Amino acid sequence: MNQEIRQIHRVDDRGDPAGGAVLGTGIKIDWQNGPLNRGDRRVEPNGAFVDGVISAAIGRLEFYQGSKFKCRENSLAITKLQEALHWLDHRTKDRERLSVEGTHETRESEG
């Protein structure tokens, strides 16, 4: 079933991501608004991250896999979502290595 959802994506005055929301029946996600910063300027998260939402979806599919609804398609979906988490973690580690993680600065390969 393709559930109807409404997405709101905001930007700040520089055009950088500034939060937003996803709304649908049983769904309410408030996205992180602004960077977390680095070092002494680090702040607590104020919203969801894509990684967390993907992890929640994996958890639900794994729950189904422990029930009579276990199937190959759920297993494949879990694998693809785990792959997505892998690549997001790869990006985070690369950004950390370049000392731009937690900021709106970009890597040379991003744009």
C-alpha atoms as a PDB file:
ATOM      1  CA  MET A   1       0.000   0.000   0.000  1.00  0.00           C
ATOM      2  CA  ASN A   2       1.323   3.407  -0.918  1.00  0.00           C
ATOM      3  CA  GLN A   3       0.328   5.631   1.970  1.00  0.00           C
ATOM      4  CA  GLU A   4      -0.361   9.259   1.225  1.00  0.00           C
ATOM      5  CA  ILE A   5       2.035  11.524   3.085  1.00  0.00           C
ATOM      6  CA  ARG A   6       2.646  15.253   3.127  1.00  0.00           C
ATOM      7  CA  GLN A   7       6.224  16.483   3.168  1.00  0.00           C
ATOM      8  CA  ILE A   8       7.413  19.924   4.210  1.00  0.00           C
ATOM      9  CA  HIS A   9      11.112  20.699   3.697  1.00  0.00           C
ATOM     10  CA  ARG A  10      12.417  24.042   4.940  1.00  0.00           C
ATOM     11  CA  VAL A  11      15.599  25.988   4.238  1.00  0.00           C
ATOM     12  CA  ASP A  12      17.215  28.879   6.085  1.00  0.00           C
ATOM     13  CA  ASP A  13      18.087  32.257   4.561  1.00  0.00           C
ATOM     14  CA  ARG A  14      21.245  30.729   2.999  1.00  0.00           C
ATOM     15  CA  GLY A  15      19.322  27.856   1.428  1.00  0.00           C
ATOM     16  CA  ASP A  16      20.630  25.276   3.908  1.00  0.00           C
ATOM     17  CA  PRO A  17      18.326  22.558   5.314  1.00  0.00           C
ATOM     18  CA  ALA A  18      16.321  23.906   8.258  1.00  0.00           C
ATOM     19  CA  GLY A  19      14.004  21.163   9.386  1.00  0.00           C
ATOM     20  CA  GLY A  20      10.574  20.310   8.157  1.00  0.00           C
ATOM     21  CA  ALA A  21       8.078  17.529   8.698  1.00  0.00           C
ATOM     22  CA  VAL A  22       6.477  14.442   7.233  1.00  0.00           C
ATOM     23  CA  LEU A  23       2.822  13.866   8.038  1.00  0.00           C
ATOM     24  CA  GLY A  24       0.459  11.013   7.279  1.00  0.00           C
ATOM     25  CA  THR A  25      -1.926   8.701   9.043  1.00  0.00           C
ATOM     26  CA  GLY A  26       0.099   7.398  11.989  1.00  0.00           C
ATOM     27  CA  ILE A  27       3.215   9.273  10.848  1.00  0.00           C
ATOM     28  CA  LYS A  28       4.628  12.498  12.252  1.00  0.00           C
ATOM     29  CA  ILE A  29       8.313  13.160  11.739  1.00  0.00           C
ATOM     30  CA  ASP A  30       9.887  16.483  12.686  1.00  0.00           C
ATOM     31  CA  TRP A  31      13.281  16.685  10.958  1.00  0.00           C
ATOM     32  CA  GLN A  32      16.432  18.056  12.565  1.00  0.00           C
ATOM     33  CA  ASN A  33      16.498  21.846  12.240  1.00  0.00           C
ATOM     34  CA  GLY A  34      20.036  23.099  11.662  1.00  0.00           C
ATOM     35  CA  PRO A  35      23.478  21.603  12.159  1.00  0.00           C
ATOM     36  CA  LEU A  36      24.648  20.082  15.444  1.00  0.00           C
ATOM     37  CA  ASN A  37      27.978  21.944  15.224  1.00  0.00           C
ATOM     38  CA  ARG A  38      31.323  20.690  16.496  1.00  0.00           C
ATOM     39  CA  GLY A  39      33.387  20.746  19.671  1.00  0.00           C
ATOM     40  CA  ASP A  40      32.296  23.222  22.364  1.00  0.00           C
ATOM     41  CA  ARG A  41      29.520  24.526  20.084  1.00  0.00           C
ATOM     42  CA  ARG A  42      27.875  21.066  19.760  1.00  0.00           C
ATOM     43  CA  VAL A  43      24.129  21.094  20.476  1.00  0.00           C
ATOM     44  CA  GLU A  44      21.580  18.384  21.192  1.00  0.00           C
ATOM     45  CA  PRO A  45      19.453  17.161  18.277  1.00  0.00           C
ATOM     46  CA  ASN A  46      16.025  18.805  18.000  1.00  0.00           C
ATOM     47  CA  GLY A  47      14.528  16.471  15.415  1.00  0.00           C
ATOM     48  CA  ALA A  48      14.766  13.205  13.531  1.00  0.00           C
ATOM     49  CA  PHE A  49      17.530  12.119  11.189  1.00  0.00           C
ATOM     50  CA  VAL A  50      17.053   9.967   8.077  1.00  0.00           C
ATOM     51  CA  ASP A  51      19.203   7.244   9.683  1.00  0.00           C
ATOM     52  CA  GLY A  52      16.801   6.950  12.625  1.00  0.00           C
ATOM     53  CA  VAL A  53      13.744   6.706  10.410  1.00  0.00           C
ATOM     54  CA  ILE A  54      15.386   3.971   8.329  1.00  0.00           C
ATOM     55  CA  SER A  55      16.315   2.104  11.528  1.00  0.00           C
ATOM     56  CA  ALA A  56      12.683   2.290  12.671  1.00  0.00           C
ATOM     57  CA  ALA A  57      11.519   0.811   9.346  1.00  0.00           C
ATOM     58  CA  ILE A  58      14.071  -2.005   9.679  1.00  0.00           C
ATOM     59  CA  GLY A  59      12.787  -2.723  13.183  1.00  0.00           C
ATOM     60  CA  ARG A  60       9.216  -3.013  11.967  1.00  0.00           C
ATOM     61  CA  LEU A  61      10.155  -5.326   9.094  1.00  0.00           C
ATOM     62  CA  GLU A  62      12.227  -7.489  11.456  1.00  0.00           C
ATOM     63  CA  PHE A  63       9.152  -7.720  13.698  1.00  0.00           C
ATOM     64  CA  TYR A  64       7.166  -9.025  10.697  1.00  0.00           C
ATOM     65  CA  GLN A  65       9.961 -11.499   9.947  1.00  0.00           C
ATOM     66  CA  GLY A  66       9.417 -13.016  13.402  1.00  0.00           C
ATOM     67  CA  SER A  67       5.751 -13.634  12.617  1.00  0.00           C
ATOM     68  CA  LYS A  68       3.583 -15.538  10.161  1.00  0.00           C
ATOM     69  CA  PHE A  69       4.211 -12.646   7.725  1.00  0.00           C
ATOM     70  CA  LYS A  70       7.860 -13.638   7.221  1.00  0.00           C
ATOM     71  CA  CYS A  71       8.732 -13.517   3.521  1.00  0.00           C
ATOM     72  CA  ARG A  72      11.522 -13.059   1.006  1.00  0.00           C
ATOM     73  CA  GLU A  73      10.349  -9.555   0.075  1.00  0.00           C
ATOM     74  CA  ASN A  74      10.626  -8.351   3.689  1.00  0.00           C
ATOM     75  CA  SER A  75      14.105  -9.850   3.863  1.00  0.00           C
ATOM     76  CA  LEU A  76      15.148  -8.069   0.674  1.00  0.00           C
ATOM     77  CA  ALA A  77      13.690  -4.774   1.916  1.00  0.00           C
ATOM     78  CA  ILE A  78      15.634  -5.135   5.183  1.00  0.00           C
ATOM     79  CA  THR A  79      18.840  -5.758   3.222  1.00  0.00           C
ATOM     80  CA  LYS A  80      18.324  -2.649   1.085  1.00  0.00           C
ATOM     81  CA  LEU A  81      17.527  -0.489   4.113  1.00  0.00           C
ATOM     82  CA  GLN A  82      20.653  -1.811   5.859  1.00  0.00           C
ATOM     83  CA  GLU A  83      22.607  -0.904   2.734  1.00  0.00           C
ATOM     84  CA  ALA A  84      21.172   2.617   2.893  1.00  0.00           C
ATOM     85  CA  LEU A  85      22.334   2.885   6.532  1.00  0.00           C
ATOM     86  CA  HIS A  86      25.779   1.662   5.484  1.00  0.00           C
ATOM     87  CA  TRP A  87      26.123   4.430   2.888  1.00  0.00           C
ATOM     88  CA  LEU A  88      24.818   7.109   5.243  1.00  0.00           C
ATOM     89  CA  ASP A  89      27.358   5.959   7.852  1.00  0.00           C
ATOM     90  CA  HIS A  90      30.074   5.989   5.181  1.00  0.00           C
ATOM     91  CA  ARG A  91      29.163   9.597   4.356  1.00  0.00           C
ATOM     92  CA  THR A  92      29.191  10.568   8.054  1.00  0.00           C
ATOM     93  CA  LYS A  93      32.617   9.007   8.628  1.00  0.00           C
ATOM     94  CA  ASP A  94      34.000  10.761   5.558  1.00  0.00           C
ATOM     95  CA  ARG A  95      32.569  14.096   6.721  1.00  0.00           C
ATOM     96  CA  GLU A  96      34.052  13.494  10.186  1.00  0.00           C
ATOM     97  CA  ARG A  97      37.463  12.740   8.643  1.00  0.00           C
ATOM     98  CA  LEU A  98      37.238  16.057   6.773  1.00  0.00           C
ATOM     99  CA  SER A  99      36.089  17.922   9.941  1.00  0.00           C
ATOM    100  CA  VAL A 100      32.843  19.083   8.331  1.00  0.00           C
ATOM    101  CA  GLU A 101      30.431  16.703  10.103  1.00  0.00           C
ATOM    102  CA  GLY A 102      27.941  18.666  12.231  1.00  0.00           C
ATOM    103  CA  THR A 103      28.200  21.734   9.970  1.00  0.00           C
ATOM    104  CA  HIS A 104      26.617  22.983   6.767  1.00  0.00           C
ATOM    105  CA  GLU A 105      30.031  22.875   5.100  1.00  0.00           C
ATOM    106  CA  THR A 106      30.283  20.438   2.192  1.00  0.00           C
ATOM    107  CA  ARG A 107      32.893  17.994   0.994  1.00  0.00           C
ATOM    108  CA  GLU A 108      34.459  18.658  -2.391  1.00  0.00           C
ATOM    109  CA  SER A 109      32.367  15.805  -3.880  1.00  0.00           C
ATOM    110  CA  GLU A 110      29.109  17.276  -2.557  1.00  0.00           C
ATOM    111  CA  GLY A 111      27.515  20.299  -4.006  1.00  0.00           C
END
